[in-house]
Amino acid sequence: HNRSSYDFKKIAADATNVAANLRNFINGFSVGAR
């Protein structure tokens, strides 16, 4: 599962914080997926 509120659409909507938001998205995955 992913418990982050981000998806690619939300990440792309904030061009100045792409790296931080992408990390938030990745860290939102369950342990096995991460």
PDB file of all heavy atoms in Angstrom:
ATOM      1  N   HIS A   1       0.869  -1.181   0.000  1.00  0.00           N
ATOM      2  CA  HIS A   1       0.000   0.000   0.000  1.00  0.00           C
ATOM      3  C   HIS A   1       0.905   1.230   0.000  1.00  0.00           C
ATOM      4  O   HIS A   1       2.125   1.111   0.128  1.00  0.00           O
ATOM      5  CB  HIS A   1      -0.907   0.014   1.236  1.00  0.00           C
ATOM      6  CG  HIS A   1      -0.137   0.177   2.509  1.00  0.00           C
ATOM      7  ND1 HIS A   1       0.400  -0.897   3.186  1.00  0.00           N
ATOM      8  CD2 HIS A   1       0.216   1.267   3.213  1.00  0.00           C
ATOM      9  CE1 HIS A   1       1.043  -0.460   4.251  1.00  0.00           C
ATOM     10  NE2 HIS A   1       0.942   0.856   4.291  1.00  0.00           N
ATOM     11  N   ASN A   2       0.287   2.384  -0.140  1.00  0.00           N
ATOM     12  CA  ASN A   2       1.015   3.639  -0.013  1.00  0.00           C
ATOM     13  C   ASN A   2       0.178   4.573   0.844  1.00  0.00           C
ATOM     14  O   ASN A   2      -0.981   4.838   0.544  1.00  0.00           O
ATOM     15  CB  ASN A   2       1.296   4.280  -1.376  1.00  0.00           C
ATOM     16  CG  ASN A   2       2.226   5.462  -1.264  1.00  0.00           C
ATOM     17  OD1 ASN A   2       1.951   6.431  -0.564  1.00  0.00           O
ATOM     18  ND2 ASN A   2       3.351   5.387  -1.935  1.00  0.00           N
ATOM     19  N   ARG A   3       0.808   5.065   1.917  1.00  0.00           N
ATOM     20  CA  ARG A   3       0.079   5.936   2.845  1.00  0.00           C
ATOM     21  C   ARG A   3       0.443   7.410   2.667  1.00  0.00           C
ATOM     22  O   ARG A   3       0.057   8.242   3.475  1.00  0.00           O
ATOM     23  CB  ARG A   3       0.298   5.479   4.281  1.00  0.00           C
ATOM     24  CG  ARG A   3       1.724   5.467   4.734  1.00  0.00           C
ATOM     25  CD  ARG A   3       1.899   5.022   6.156  1.00  0.00           C
ATOM     26  NE  ARG A   3       2.012   3.577   6.235  1.00  0.00           N
ATOM     27  CZ  ARG A   3       2.353   2.912   7.313  1.00  0.00           C
ATOM     28  NH1 ARG A   3       2.614   3.553   8.418  1.00  0.00           N
ATOM     29  NH2 ARG A   3       2.449   1.625   7.311  1.00  0.00           N
ATOM     30  N   SER A   4       1.157   7.720   1.615  1.00  0.00           N
ATOM     31  CA  SER A   4       1.477   9.112   1.321  1.00  0.00           C
ATOM     32  C   SER A   4       0.282   9.785   0.665  1.00  0.00           C
ATOM     33  O   SER A   4      -0.464   9.162  -0.085  1.00  0.00           O
ATOM     34  CB  SER A   4       2.684   9.186   0.371  1.00  0.00           C
ATOM     35  OG  SER A   4       2.871  10.509  -0.084  1.00  0.00           O
ATOM     36  N   SER A   5       0.108  11.056   0.923  1.00  0.00           N
ATOM     37  CA  SER A   5      -0.976  11.790   0.259  1.00  0.00           C
ATOM     38  C   SER A   5      -0.568  12.214  -1.153  1.00  0.00           C
ATOM     39  O   SER A   5      -1.369  12.757  -1.895  1.00  0.00           O
ATOM     40  CB  SER A   5      -1.358  13.022   1.078  1.00  0.00           C
ATOM     41  OG  SER A   5      -0.250  13.893   1.183  1.00  0.00           O
ATOM     42  N   TYR A   6       0.689  11.929  -1.525  1.00  0.00           N
ATOM     43  CA  TYR A   6       1.186  12.315  -2.853  1.00  0.00           C
ATOM     44  C   TYR A   6       0.978  11.208  -3.869  1.00  0.00           C
ATOM     45  O   TYR A   6       1.020  10.025  -3.557  1.00  0.00           O
ATOM     46  CB  TYR A   6       2.678  12.658  -2.796  1.00  0.00           C
ATOM     47  CG  TYR A   6       2.947  13.978  -2.137  1.00  0.00           C
ATOM     48  CD1 TYR A   6       3.315  14.045  -0.809  1.00  0.00           C
ATOM     49  CD2 TYR A   6       2.821  15.166  -2.843  1.00  0.00           C
ATOM     50  CE1 TYR A   6       3.550  15.254  -0.180  1.00  0.00           C
ATOM     51  CE2 TYR A   6       3.046  16.384  -2.234  1.00  0.00           C
ATOM     52  CZ  TYR A   6       3.414  16.424  -0.906  1.00  0.00           C
ATOM     53  OH  TYR A   6       3.645  17.626  -0.297  1.00  0.00           O
ATOM     54  N   ASP A   7       0.781  11.631  -5.104  1.00  0.00           N
ATOM     55  CA  ASP A   7       0.846  10.772  -6.274  1.00  0.00           C
ATOM     56  C   ASP A   7       1.603  11.600  -7.314  1.00  0.00           C
ATOM     57  O   ASP A   7       2.018  12.731  -7.035  1.00  0.00           O
ATOM     58  CB  ASP A   7      -0.542  10.342  -6.754  1.00  0.00           C
ATOM     59  CG  ASP A   7      -1.462  11.520  -7.064  1.00  0.00           C
ATOM     60  OD1 ASP A   7      -0.974  12.663  -7.254  1.00  0.00           O
ATOM     61  OD2 ASP A   7      -2.683  11.309  -7.128  1.00  0.00           O
ATOM     62  N   PHE A   8       1.824  11.048  -8.498  1.00  0.00           N
ATOM     63  CA  PHE A   8       2.626  11.787  -9.482  1.00  0.00           C
ATOM     64  C   PHE A   8       1.978  13.100  -9.905  1.00  0.00           C
ATOM     65  O   PHE A   8       2.670  14.076 -10.169  1.00  0.00           O
ATOM     66  CB  PHE A   8       2.943  10.911 -10.699  1.00  0.00           C
ATOM     67  CG  PHE A   8       4.011   9.903 -10.415  1.00  0.00           C
ATOM     68  CD1 PHE A   8       3.720   8.559 -10.339  1.00  0.00           C
ATOM     69  CD2 PHE A   8       5.317  10.311 -10.206  1.00  0.00           C
ATOM     70  CE1 PHE A   8       4.707   7.626 -10.057  1.00  0.00           C
ATOM     71  CE2 PHE A   8       6.313   9.394  -9.922  1.00  0.00           C
ATOM     72  CZ  PHE A   8       6.002   8.047  -9.846  1.00  0.00           C
ATOM     73  N   LYS A   9       0.674  13.138  -9.935  1.00  0.00           N
ATOM     74  CA  LYS A   9      -0.010  14.385 -10.300  1.00  0.00           C
ATOM     75  C   LYS A   9       0.269  15.481  -9.266  1.00  0.00           C
ATOM     76  O   LYS A   9       0.593  16.618  -9.619  1.00  0.00           O
ATOM     77  CB  LYS A   9      -1.516  14.131 -10.423  1.00  0.00           C
ATOM     78  CG  LYS A   9      -2.286  15.319 -10.904  1.00  0.00           C
ATOM     79  CD  LYS A   9      -3.746  14.977 -11.121  1.00  0.00           C
ATOM     80  CE  LYS A   9      -4.450  16.181 -11.682  1.00  0.00           C
ATOM     81  NZ  LYS A   9      -5.371  15.853 -12.730  1.00  0.00           N
ATOM     82  N   LYS A  10       0.173  15.149  -7.978  1.00  0.00           N
ATOM     83  CA  LYS A  10       0.443  16.132  -6.925  1.00  0.00           C
ATOM     84  C   LYS A  10       1.915  16.517  -6.876  1.00  0.00           C
ATOM     85  O   LYS A  10       2.247  17.677  -6.621  1.00  0.00           O
ATOM     86  CB  LYS A  10       0.003  15.598  -5.563  1.00  0.00           C
ATOM     87  CG  LYS A  10      -1.488  15.578  -5.366  1.00  0.00           C
ATOM     88  CD  LYS A  10      -1.854  15.096  -3.985  1.00  0.00           C
ATOM     89  CE  LYS A  10      -3.349  15.025  -3.799  1.00  0.00           C
ATOM     90  NZ  LYS A  10      -3.721  14.517  -2.483  1.00  0.00           N
ATOM     91  N   ILE A  11       2.780  15.546  -7.117  1.00  0.00           N
ATOM     92  CA  ILE A  11       4.226  15.839  -7.105  1.00  0.00           C
ATOM     93  C   ILE A  11       4.554  16.806  -8.236  1.00  0.00           C
ATOM     94  O   ILE A  11       5.266  17.786  -8.042  1.00  0.00           O
ATOM     95  CB  ILE A  11       5.051  14.542  -7.237  1.00  0.00           C
ATOM     96  CG1 ILE A  11       4.845  13.650  -6.016  1.00  0.00           C
ATOM     97  CG2 ILE A  11       6.539  14.869  -7.409  1.00  0.00           C
ATOM     98  CD1 ILE A  11       5.378  12.237  -6.178  1.00  0.00           C
ATOM     99  N   ALA A  12       4.017  16.542  -9.415  1.00  0.00           N
ATOM    100  CA  ALA A  12       4.293  17.386 -10.583  1.00  0.00           C
ATOM    101  C   ALA A  12       3.668  18.766 -10.452  1.00  0.00           C
ATOM    102  O   ALA A  12       4.140  19.729 -11.064  1.00  0.00           O
ATOM    103  CB  ALA A  12       3.780  16.705 -11.850  1.00  0.00           C
ATOM    104  N   ALA A  13       2.640  18.911  -9.631  1.00  0.00           N
ATOM    105  CA  ALA A  13       1.969  20.201  -9.464  1.00  0.00           C
ATOM    106  C   ALA A  13       2.801  21.188  -8.654  1.00  0.00           C
ATOM    107  O   ALA A  13       2.521  22.380  -8.653  1.00  0.00           O
ATOM    108  CB  ALA A  13       0.617  20.004  -8.798  1.00  0.00           C
ATOM    109  N   ASP A  14       3.836  20.694  -7.972  1.00  0.00           N
ATOM    110  CA  ASP A  14       4.682  21.549  -7.134  1.00  0.00           C
ATOM    111  C   ASP A  14       6.126  21.442  -7.613  1.00  0.00           C
ATOM    112  O   ASP A  14       6.948  20.735  -7.040  1.00  0.00           O
ATOM    113  CB  ASP A  14       4.559  21.116  -5.667  1.00  0.00           C
ATOM    114  CG  ASP A  14       5.332  22.005  -4.714  1.00  0.00           C
ATOM    115  OD1 ASP A  14       5.931  23.011  -5.157  1.00  0.00           O
ATOM    116  OD2 ASP A  14       5.347  21.677  -3.510  1.00  0.00           O
ATOM    117  N   ALA A  15       6.430  22.143  -8.689  1.00  0.00           N
ATOM    118  CA  ALA A  15       7.727  22.019  -9.354  1.00  0.00           C
ATOM    119  C   ALA A  15       8.919  22.391  -8.467  1.00  0.00           C
ATOM    120  O   ALA A  15      10.025  21.918  -8.699  1.00  0.00           O
ATOM    121  CB  ALA A  15       7.741  22.878 -10.620  1.00  0.00           C
ATOM    122  N   THR A  16       8.728  23.196  -7.463  1.00  0.00           N
ATOM    123  CA  THR A  16       9.859  23.612  -6.626  1.00  0.00           C
ATOM    124  C   THR A  16      10.196  22.589  -5.533  1.00  0.00           C
ATOM    125  O   THR A  16      11.274  22.659  -4.949  1.00  0.00           O
ATOM    126  CB  THR A  16       9.593  24.978  -5.968  1.00  0.00           C
ATOM    127  OG1 THR A  16       8.394  24.897  -5.205  1.00  0.00           O
ATOM    128  CG2 THR A  16       9.481  26.070  -7.008  1.00  0.00           C
ATOM    129  N   ASN A  17       9.290  21.661  -5.259  1.00  0.00           N
ATOM    130  CA  ASN A  17       9.523  20.668  -4.189  1.00  0.00           C
ATOM    131  C   ASN A  17       9.416  19.236  -4.687  1.00  0.00           C
ATOM    132  O   ASN A  17       9.021  18.347  -3.934  1.00  0.00           O
ATOM    133  CB  ASN A  17       8.517  20.892  -3.054  1.00  0.00           C
ATOM    134  CG  ASN A  17       8.737  22.224  -2.380  1.00  0.00           C
ATOM    135  OD1 ASN A  17       9.796  22.488  -1.852  1.00  0.00           O
ATOM    136  ND2 ASN A  17       7.724  23.061  -2.428  1.00  0.00           N
ATOM    137  N   VAL A  18       9.789  19.009  -5.928  1.00  0.00           N
ATOM    138  CA  VAL A  18       9.645  17.676  -6.524  1.00  0.00           C
ATOM    139  C   VAL A  18      10.417  16.628  -5.731  1.00  0.00           C
ATOM    140  O   VAL A  18       9.887  15.566  -5.405  1.00  0.00           O
ATOM    141  CB  VAL A  18      10.080  17.677  -8.005  1.00  0.00           C
ATOM    142  CG1 VAL A  18      10.068  16.271  -8.573  1.00  0.00           C
ATOM    143  CG2 VAL A  18       9.179  18.581  -8.816  1.00  0.00           C
ATOM    144  N   ALA A  19      11.667  16.891  -5.400  1.00  0.00           N
ATOM    145  CA  ALA A  19      12.499  15.899  -4.708  1.00  0.00           C
ATOM    146  C   ALA A  19      11.904  15.526  -3.351  1.00  0.00           C
ATOM    147  O   ALA A  19      11.759  14.340  -3.031  1.00  0.00           O
ATOM    148  CB  ALA A  19      13.924  16.417  -4.547  1.00  0.00           C
ATOM    149  N   ALA A  20      11.540  16.513  -2.560  1.00  0.00           N
ATOM    150  CA  ALA A  20      10.982  16.246  -1.229  1.00  0.00           C
ATOM    151  C   ALA A  20       9.651  15.508  -1.335  1.00  0.00           C
ATOM    152  O   ALA A  20       9.401  14.552  -0.586  1.00  0.00           O
ATOM    153  CB  ALA A  20      10.795  17.553  -0.465  1.00  0.00           C
ATOM    154  N   ASN A  21       8.814  15.903  -2.266  1.00  0.00           N
ATOM    155  CA  ASN A  21       7.508  15.266  -2.411  1.00  0.00           C
ATOM    156  C   ASN A  21       7.624  13.845  -2.975  1.00  0.00           C
ATOM    157  O   ASN A  21       6.876  12.957  -2.573  1.00  0.00           O
ATOM    158  CB  ASN A  21       6.589  16.120  -3.278  1.00  0.00           C
ATOM    159  CG  ASN A  21       6.287  17.449  -2.622  1.00  0.00           C
ATOM    160  OD1 ASN A  21       6.447  17.626  -1.418  1.00  0.00           O
ATOM    161  ND2 ASN A  21       5.857  18.414  -3.415  1.00  0.00           N
ATOM    162  N   LEU A  22       8.583  13.627  -3.867  1.00  0.00           N
ATOM    163  CA  LEU A  22       8.817  12.288  -4.398  1.00  0.00           C
ATOM    164  C   LEU A  22       9.335  11.367  -3.290  1.00  0.00           C
ATOM    165  O   LEU A  22       8.907  10.217  -3.172  1.00  0.00           O
ATOM    166  CB  LEU A  22       9.799  12.331  -5.563  1.00  0.00           C
ATOM    167  CG  LEU A  22      10.096  11.007  -6.260  1.00  0.00           C
ATOM    168  CD1 LEU A  22       8.818  10.351  -6.771  1.00  0.00           C
ATOM    169  CD2 LEU A  22      11.075  11.235  -7.404  1.00  0.00           C
ATOM    170  N   ARG A  23      10.213  11.879  -2.449  1.00  0.00           N
ATOM    171  CA  ARG A  23      10.699  11.086  -1.304  1.00  0.00           C
ATOM    172  C   ARG A  23       9.546  10.759  -0.346  1.00  0.00           C
ATOM    173  O   ARG A  23       9.460   9.660   0.184  1.00  0.00           O
ATOM    174  CB  ARG A  23      11.812  11.825  -0.581  1.00  0.00           C
ATOM    175  CG  ARG A  23      13.133  11.771  -1.310  1.00  0.00           C
ATOM    176  CD  ARG A  23      14.267  12.382  -0.477  1.00  0.00           C
ATOM    177  NE  ARG A  23      15.520  12.181  -1.149  1.00  0.00           N
ATOM    178  CZ  ARG A  23      16.152  13.115  -1.879  1.00  0.00           C
ATOM    179  NH1 ARG A  23      15.635  14.322  -1.993  1.00  0.00           N
ATOM    180  NH2 ARG A  23      17.301  12.833  -2.464  1.00  0.00           N
ATOM    181  N   ASN A  24       8.669  11.715  -0.129  1.00  0.00           N
ATOM    182  CA  ASN A  24       7.503  11.470   0.720  1.00  0.00           C
ATOM    183  C   ASN A  24       6.645  10.352   0.134  1.00  0.00           C
ATOM    184  O   ASN A  24       6.187   9.467   0.849  1.00  0.00           O
ATOM    185  CB  ASN A  24       6.681  12.757   0.866  1.00  0.00           C
ATOM    186  CG  ASN A  24       5.455  12.566   1.715  1.00  0.00           C
ATOM    187  OD1 ASN A  24       4.499  11.907   1.314  1.00  0.00           O
ATOM    188  ND2 ASN A  24       5.474  13.157   2.897  1.00  0.00           N
ATOM    189  N   PHE A  25       6.440  10.384  -1.163  1.00  0.00           N
ATOM    190  CA  PHE A  25       5.659   9.351  -1.849  1.00  0.00           C
ATOM    191  C   PHE A  25       6.325   7.981  -1.694  1.00  0.00           C
ATOM    192  O   PHE A  25       5.673   7.001  -1.329  1.00  0.00           O
ATOM    193  CB  PHE A  25       5.521   9.720  -3.328  1.00  0.00           C
ATOM    194  CG  PHE A  25       4.844   8.682  -4.162  1.00  0.00           C
ATOM    195  CD1 PHE A  25       3.490   8.420  -4.017  1.00  0.00           C
ATOM    196  CD2 PHE A  25       5.556   7.960  -5.106  1.00  0.00           C
ATOM    197  CE1 PHE A  25       2.856   7.459  -4.802  1.00  0.00           C
ATOM    198  CE2 PHE A  25       4.934   7.000  -5.889  1.00  0.00           C
ATOM    199  CZ  PHE A  25       3.589   6.747  -5.733  1.00  0.00           C
ATOM    200  N   ILE A  26       7.622   7.912  -1.945  1.00  0.00           N
ATOM    201  CA  ILE A  26       8.355   6.646  -1.837  1.00  0.00           C
ATOM    202  C   ILE A  26       8.330   6.127  -0.409  1.00  0.00           C
ATOM    203  O   ILE A  26       8.100   4.946  -0.170  1.00  0.00           O
ATOM    204  CB  ILE A  26       9.804   6.821  -2.344  1.00  0.00           C
ATOM    205  CG1 ILE A  26       9.803   7.019  -3.869  1.00  0.00           C
ATOM    206  CG2 ILE A  26      10.672   5.629  -1.943  1.00  0.00           C
ATOM    207  CD1 ILE A  26      11.141   7.431  -4.452  1.00  0.00           C
ATOM    208  N   ASN A  27       8.539   7.013   0.551  1.00  0.00           N
ATOM    209  CA  ASN A  27       8.533   6.598   1.963  1.00  0.00           C
ATOM    210  C   ASN A  27       7.149   6.195   2.449  1.00  0.00           C
ATOM    211  O   ASN A  27       7.013   5.576   3.503  1.00  0.00           O
ATOM    212  CB  ASN A  27       9.109   7.700   2.853  1.00  0.00           C
ATOM    213  CG  ASN A  27      10.589   7.869   2.644  1.00  0.00           C
ATOM    214  OD1 ASN A  27      11.299   6.923   2.318  1.00  0.00           O
ATOM    215  ND2 ASN A  27      11.074   9.088   2.824  1.00  0.00           N
ATOM    216  N   GLY A  28       6.108   6.513   1.691  1.00  0.00           N
ATOM    217  CA  GLY A  28       4.757   6.137   2.053  1.00  0.00           C
ATOM    218  C   GLY A  28       4.404   4.691   1.728  1.00  0.00           C
ATOM    219  O   GLY A  28       3.375   4.188   2.165  1.00  0.00           O
ATOM    220  N   PHE A  29       5.261   4.015   0.969  1.00  0.00           N
ATOM    221  CA  PHE A  29       4.992   2.616   0.638  1.00  0.00           C
ATOM    222  C   PHE A  29       5.225   1.728   1.843  1.00  0.00           C
ATOM    223  O   PHE A  29       6.017   2.040   2.732  1.00  0.00           O
ATOM    224  CB  PHE A  29       5.880   2.145  -0.519  1.00  0.00           C
ATOM    225  CG  PHE A  29       5.356   2.536  -1.870  1.00  0.00           C
ATOM    226  CD1 PHE A  29       5.888   3.630  -2.530  1.00  0.00           C
ATOM    227  CD2 PHE A  29       4.333   1.823  -2.463  1.00  0.00           C
ATOM    228  CE1 PHE A  29       5.410   4.008  -3.759  1.00  0.00           C
ATOM    229  CE2 PHE A  29       3.840   2.193  -3.705  1.00  0.00           C
ATOM    230  CZ  PHE A  29       4.381   3.290  -4.359  1.00  0.00           C
ATOM    231  N   SER A  30       4.536   0.599   1.857  1.00  0.00           N
ATOM    232  CA  SER A  30       4.733  -0.397   2.915  1.00  0.00           C
ATOM    233  C   SER A  30       6.167  -0.932   2.837  1.00  0.00           C
ATOM    234  O   SER A  30       6.851  -0.779   1.821  1.00  0.00           O
ATOM    235  CB  SER A  30       3.725  -1.526   2.766  1.00  0.00           C
ATOM    236  OG  SER A  30       3.704  -2.015   1.439  1.00  0.00           O
ATOM    237  N   VAL A  31       6.615  -1.526   3.930  1.00  0.00           N
ATOM    238  CA  VAL A  31       8.018  -1.947   4.060  1.00  0.00           C
ATOM    239  C   VAL A  31       8.462  -2.842   2.908  1.00  0.00           C
ATOM    240  O   VAL A  31       9.519  -2.627   2.325  1.00  0.00           O
ATOM    241  CB  VAL A  31       8.255  -2.647   5.419  1.00  0.00           C
ATOM    242  CG1 VAL A  31       9.638  -3.251   5.501  1.00  0.00           C
ATOM    243  CG2 VAL A  31       8.053  -1.659   6.554  1.00  0.00           C
ATOM    244  N   GLY A  32       7.667  -3.842   2.568  1.00  0.00           N
ATOM    245  CA  GLY A  32       8.050  -4.762   1.500  1.00  0.00           C
ATOM    246  C   GLY A  32       8.264  -4.063   0.171  1.00  0.00           C
ATOM    247  O   GLY A  32       9.229  -4.348  -0.546  1.00  0.00           O
ATOM    248  N   ALA A  33       7.388  -3.148  -0.178  1.00  0.00           N
ATOM    249  CA  ALA A  33       7.523  -2.398  -1.422  1.00  0.00           C
ATOM    250  C   ALA A  33       8.724  -1.462  -1.361  1.00  0.00           C
ATOM    251  O   ALA A  33       9.461  -1.315  -2.336  1.00  0.00           O
ATOM    252  CB  ALA A  33       6.250  -1.612  -1.706  1.00  0.00           C
ATOM    253  N   ARG A  34       8.929  -0.823  -0.208  1.00  0.00           N
ATOM    254  CA  ARG A  34      10.064   0.093  -0.049  1.00  0.00           C
ATOM    255  C   ARG A  34      11.396  -0.632  -0.192  1.00  0.00           C
ATOM    256  O   ARG A  34      12.349  -0.084  -0.728  1.00  0.00           O
ATOM    257  CB  ARG A  34       9.980   0.810   1.292  1.00  0.00           C
ATOM    258  CG  ARG A  34       9.769   2.286   1.147  1.00  0.00           C
ATOM    259  CD  ARG A  34       9.841   3.120   2.398  1.00  0.00           C
ATOM    260  NE  ARG A  34      10.044   2.459   3.647  1.00  0.00           N
ATOM    261  CZ  ARG A  34       9.086   2.146   4.529  1.00  0.00           C
ATOM    262  NH1 ARG A  34       7.835   2.412   4.248  1.00  0.00           N
ATOM    263  NH2 ARG A  34       9.372   1.569   5.664  1.00  0.00           N
TER     264      ARG A  34
END
